[in-house]
Amino acid sequence: MKTKAKIMIVDDAEMNREILMVILGDEYEYVQAENGRQAIHILQQDMNIDLMLLDINMPEMNGFQMLERMNKFHWIDEIPVIMISSEEKRDIIERAYILGAEDYIRRPFDAFIVRRRVQNILNLCESEKIKADGL
């Protein structure tokens, strides 16, 4: 039996974390963090995260600072990140991709798009792991 993928949701708004878990349903296991600092602490304990949904605007450590830290420790190579934000400015979105985000989802959330993009990234990562193991 296949184990559930583990998704970390990093957002300072509890309501946003709850909405994402409702949208994605019970087919995933969830880990929650209120900001980048808390997320890093969790990752230092358990790197077994299949995907991260990461907000940009948070206190203590924002999403960009979190991506920078993930790059520094090469965690970005192991954990795909989808940025979540209401921000629509091209330079902000571009910066997220430059820092290693795999995708970008705008708020307010469209349930179909959230589910599809999460599943697409997880499928892509699984395919890449299979190819890497086969080499």
C-alpha atoms as a PDB file:
ATOM      1  CA  MET A   1       0.000   0.000   0.000  1.00  0.00           C
ATOM      2  CA  LYS A   2       1.358   3.397  -0.991  1.00  0.00           C
ATOM      3  CA  THR A   3       1.983   5.826   1.849  1.00  0.00           C
ATOM      4  CA  LYS A   4       0.390   9.249   1.808  1.00  0.00           C
ATOM      5  CA  ALA A   5       2.512  12.109   0.502  1.00  0.00           C
ATOM      6  CA  LYS A   6       3.481  14.534   3.270  1.00  0.00           C
ATOM      7  CA  ILE A   7       2.768  18.195   2.563  1.00  0.00           C
ATOM      8  CA  MET A   8       4.093  21.039   4.691  1.00  0.00           C
ATOM      9  CA  ILE A   9       1.893  24.134   4.667  1.00  0.00           C
ATOM     10  CA  VAL A  10       3.739  27.264   5.777  1.00  0.00           C
ATOM     11  CA  ASP A  11       1.395  30.228   6.235  1.00  0.00           C
ATOM     12  CA  ASP A  12       0.908  32.621   9.139  1.00  0.00           C
ATOM     13  CA  ALA A  13      -2.874  32.572   8.616  1.00  0.00           C
ATOM     14  CA  GLU A  14      -4.388  29.481  10.211  1.00  0.00           C
ATOM     15  CA  MET A  15      -7.479  29.896   8.037  1.00  0.00           C
ATOM     16  CA  ASN A  16      -5.381  29.604   4.856  1.00  0.00           C
ATOM     17  CA  ARG A  17      -3.727  26.433   6.164  1.00  0.00           C
ATOM     18  CA  GLU A  18      -7.147  24.976   7.000  1.00  0.00           C
ATOM     19  CA  ILE A  19      -8.577  25.916   3.590  1.00  0.00           C
ATOM     20  CA  LEU A  20      -5.672  24.212   1.810  1.00  0.00           C
ATOM     21  CA  MET A  21      -6.102  21.031   3.865  1.00  0.00           C
ATOM     22  CA  VAL A  22      -9.840  20.971   3.102  1.00  0.00           C
ATOM     23  CA  ILE A  23      -9.184  21.547  -0.618  1.00  0.00           C
ATOM     24  CA  LEU A  24      -6.538  18.808  -0.778  1.00  0.00           C
ATOM     25  CA  GLY A  25      -8.516  16.355   1.342  1.00  0.00           C
ATOM     26  CA  ASP A  26      -7.455  13.374   3.371  1.00  0.00           C
ATOM     27  CA  GLU A  27      -5.275  11.731   0.744  1.00  0.00           C
ATOM     28  CA  TYR A  28      -2.255  13.598   2.121  1.00  0.00           C
ATOM     29  CA  GLU A  29      -0.510  13.859   5.474  1.00  0.00           C
ATOM     30  CA  TYR A  30       0.026  17.431   6.667  1.00  0.00           C
ATOM     31  CA  VAL A  31       2.611  19.322   8.669  1.00  0.00           C
ATOM     32  CA  GLN A  32       1.902  22.964   9.477  1.00  0.00           C
ATOM     33  CA  ALA A  33       4.147  25.924  10.250  1.00  0.00           C
ATOM     34  CA  GLU A  34       3.201  29.534  11.021  1.00  0.00           C
ATOM     35  CA  ASN A  35       6.344  31.074   9.492  1.00  0.00           C
ATOM     36  CA  GLY A  36       9.659  30.249   7.871  1.00  0.00           C
ATOM     37  CA  ARG A  37      11.521  30.010  11.167  1.00  0.00           C
ATOM     38  CA  GLN A  38       9.107  27.383  12.479  1.00  0.00           C
ATOM     39  CA  ALA A  39       9.272  25.521   9.142  1.00  0.00           C
ATOM     40  CA  ILE A  40      13.066  25.363   9.309  1.00  0.00           C
ATOM     41  CA  HIS A  41      12.898  24.015  12.843  1.00  0.00           C
ATOM     42  CA  ILE A  42      10.505  21.279  11.660  1.00  0.00           C
ATOM     43  CA  LEU A  43      12.716  20.437   8.660  1.00  0.00           C
ATOM     44  CA  GLN A  44      15.760  20.108  10.909  1.00  0.00           C
ATOM     45  CA  GLN A  45      13.840  17.398  12.790  1.00  0.00           C
ATOM     46  CA  ASP A  46      12.218  15.688   9.773  1.00  0.00           C
ATOM     47  CA  MET A  47      13.223  16.208   6.152  1.00  0.00           C
ATOM     48  CA  ASN A  48      10.667  13.655   5.001  1.00  0.00           C
ATOM     49  CA  ILE A  49       8.451  16.247   3.280  1.00  0.00           C
ATOM     50  CA  ASP A  50       7.208  15.544  -0.250  1.00  0.00           C
ATOM     51  CA  LEU A  51       5.971  19.063  -1.045  1.00  0.00           C
ATOM     52  CA  MET A  52       5.847  22.484   0.588  1.00  0.00           C
ATOM     53  CA  LEU A  53       3.143  25.107   0.111  1.00  0.00           C
ATOM     54  CA  LEU A  54       4.836  28.346   1.150  1.00  0.00           C
ATOM     55  CA  ASP A  55       3.304  31.770   1.729  1.00  0.00           C
ATOM     56  CA  ILE A  56       5.383  34.839   0.855  1.00  0.00           C
ATOM     57  CA  ASN A  57       4.252  37.405   3.428  1.00  0.00           C
ATOM     58  CA  MET A  58       4.816  36.105   6.962  1.00  0.00           C
ATOM     59  CA  PRO A  59       6.326  37.532  10.165  1.00  0.00           C
ATOM     60  CA  GLU A  60       9.737  36.447  11.511  1.00  0.00           C
ATOM     61  CA  MET A  61      10.871  34.802   8.268  1.00  0.00           C
ATOM     62  CA  ASN A  62       9.015  35.355   5.004  1.00  0.00           C
ATOM     63  CA  GLY A  63       8.734  32.984   2.063  1.00  0.00           C
ATOM     64  CA  PHE A  64      11.669  34.462   0.167  1.00  0.00           C
ATOM     65  CA  GLN A  65      13.929  34.188   3.207  1.00  0.00           C
ATOM     66  CA  MET A  66      12.733  30.599   3.593  1.00  0.00           C
ATOM     67  CA  LEU A  67      13.623  29.833  -0.039  1.00  0.00           C
ATOM     68  CA  GLU A  68      17.047  31.414   0.448  1.00  0.00           C
ATOM     69  CA  ARG A  69      17.640  29.197   3.488  1.00  0.00           C
ATOM     70  CA  MET A  70      16.429  26.125   1.583  1.00  0.00           C
ATOM     71  CA  ASN A  71      18.932  26.955  -1.168  1.00  0.00           C
ATOM     72  CA  LYS A  72      21.752  27.447   1.328  1.00  0.00           C
ATOM     73  CA  PHE A  73      21.194  23.981   2.811  1.00  0.00           C
ATOM     74  CA  HIS A  74      20.293  22.421  -0.582  1.00  0.00           C
ATOM     75  CA  TRP A  75      16.861  21.431   0.770  1.00  0.00           C
ATOM     76  CA  ILE A  76      15.323  22.957  -2.348  1.00  0.00           C
ATOM     77  CA  ASP A  77      16.870  20.041  -4.280  1.00  0.00           C
ATOM     78  CA  GLU A  78      14.882  17.572  -2.176  1.00  0.00           C
ATOM     79  CA  ILE A  79      11.612  19.377  -1.424  1.00  0.00           C
ATOM     80  CA  PRO A  80       9.591  20.989  -4.209  1.00  0.00           C
ATOM     81  CA  VAL A  81       7.961  24.291  -3.238  1.00  0.00           C
ATOM     82  CA  ILE A  82       4.757  25.858  -4.486  1.00  0.00           C
ATOM     83  CA  MET A  83       4.464  29.506  -3.461  1.00  0.00           C
ATOM     84  CA  ILE A  84       1.048  30.706  -2.321  1.00  0.00           C
ATOM     85  CA  SER A  85       0.209  34.401  -2.237  1.00  0.00           C
ATOM     86  CA  SER A  86      -2.273  37.057  -3.238  1.00  0.00           C
ATOM     87  CA  GLU A  87       0.653  38.957  -4.767  1.00  0.00           C
ATOM     88  CA  GLU A  88       0.248  39.530  -8.507  1.00  0.00           C
ATOM     89  CA  LYS A  89       3.318  41.631  -9.351  1.00  0.00           C
ATOM     90  CA  ARG A  90       5.465  39.969 -11.990  1.00  0.00           C
ATOM     91  CA  ASP A  91       8.769  40.728 -10.216  1.00  0.00           C
ATOM     92  CA  ILE A  92       7.531  39.053  -7.027  1.00  0.00           C
ATOM     93  CA  ILE A  93       6.398  35.946  -8.902  1.00  0.00           C
ATOM     94  CA  GLU A  94       9.624  35.910 -10.915  1.00  0.00           C
ATOM     95  CA  ARG A  95      11.695  36.111  -7.728  1.00  0.00           C
ATOM     96  CA  ALA A  96       9.880  33.067  -6.346  1.00  0.00           C
ATOM     97  CA  TYR A  97      10.780  31.047  -9.443  1.00  0.00           C
ATOM     98  CA  ILE A  98      14.384  32.313  -9.463  1.00  0.00           C
ATOM     99  CA  LEU A  99      14.778  31.203  -5.831  1.00  0.00           C
ATOM    100  CA  GLY A 100      13.632  27.701  -6.747  1.00  0.00           C
ATOM    101  CA  ALA A 101       9.847  27.540  -6.441  1.00  0.00           C
ATOM    102  CA  GLU A 102       8.340  24.953  -8.776  1.00  0.00           C
ATOM    103  CA  ASP A 103       5.005  26.745  -9.113  1.00  0.00           C
ATOM    104  CA  TYR A 104       2.968  29.708  -7.894  1.00  0.00           C
ATOM    105  CA  ILE A 105      -0.672  29.655  -6.775  1.00  0.00           C
ATOM    106  CA  ARG A 106      -2.591  32.883  -6.220  1.00  0.00           C
ATOM    107  CA  ARG A 107      -5.161  33.524  -3.517  1.00  0.00           C
ATOM    108  CA  PRO A 108      -8.088  33.393  -3.374  1.00  0.00           C
ATOM    109  CA  PHE A 109      -7.606  29.684  -3.966  1.00  0.00           C
ATOM    110  CA  ASP A 110      -9.287  27.873  -6.835  1.00  0.00           C
ATOM    111  CA  ALA A 111      -9.780  24.339  -5.472  1.00  0.00           C
ATOM    112  CA  PHE A 112      -9.365  22.637  -8.864  1.00  0.00           C
ATOM    113  CA  ILE A 113      -6.120  24.497  -9.612  1.00  0.00           C
ATOM    114  CA  VAL A 114      -4.666  23.836  -6.146  1.00  0.00           C
ATOM    115  CA  ARG A 115      -5.400  20.086  -6.362  1.00  0.00           C
ATOM    116  CA  ARG A 116      -4.122  19.822  -9.929  1.00  0.00           C
ATOM    117  CA  ARG A 117      -0.870  21.712  -9.366  1.00  0.00           C
ATOM    118  CA  VAL A 118      -0.073  19.825  -6.168  1.00  0.00           C
ATOM    119  CA  GLN A 119      -0.698  16.493  -7.893  1.00  0.00           C
ATOM    120  CA  ASN A 120       1.306  17.535 -10.975  1.00  0.00           C
ATOM    121  CA  ILE A 121       4.358  18.506  -8.895  1.00  0.00           C
ATOM    122  CA  LEU A 122       4.152  15.323  -6.816  1.00  0.00           C
ATOM    123  CA  ASN A 123       3.847  13.192  -9.994  1.00  0.00           C
ATOM    124  CA  LEU A 124       6.773  14.998 -11.617  1.00  0.00           C
ATOM    125  CA  CYS A 125       8.981  14.512  -8.559  1.00  0.00           C
ATOM    126  CA  GLU A 126       8.030  10.837  -8.342  1.00  0.00           C
ATOM    127  CA  SER A 127       8.924  10.358 -12.029  1.00  0.00           C
ATOM    128  CA  GLU A 128      12.278  12.086 -11.526  1.00  0.00           C
ATOM    129  CA  LYS A 129      13.065   9.858  -8.535  1.00  0.00           C
ATOM    130  CA  ILE A 130      12.218   6.723 -10.528  1.00  0.00           C
ATOM    131  CA  LYS A 131      14.486   7.867 -13.380  1.00  0.00           C
ATOM    132  CA  ALA A 132      17.305   8.698 -10.957  1.00  0.00           C
ATOM    133  CA  ASP A 133      17.010   5.314  -9.257  1.00  0.00           C
ATOM    134  CA  GLY A 134      17.046   3.566 -12.623  1.00  0.00           C
ATOM    135  CA  LEU A 135      20.340   5.119 -13.716  1.00  0.00           C
END
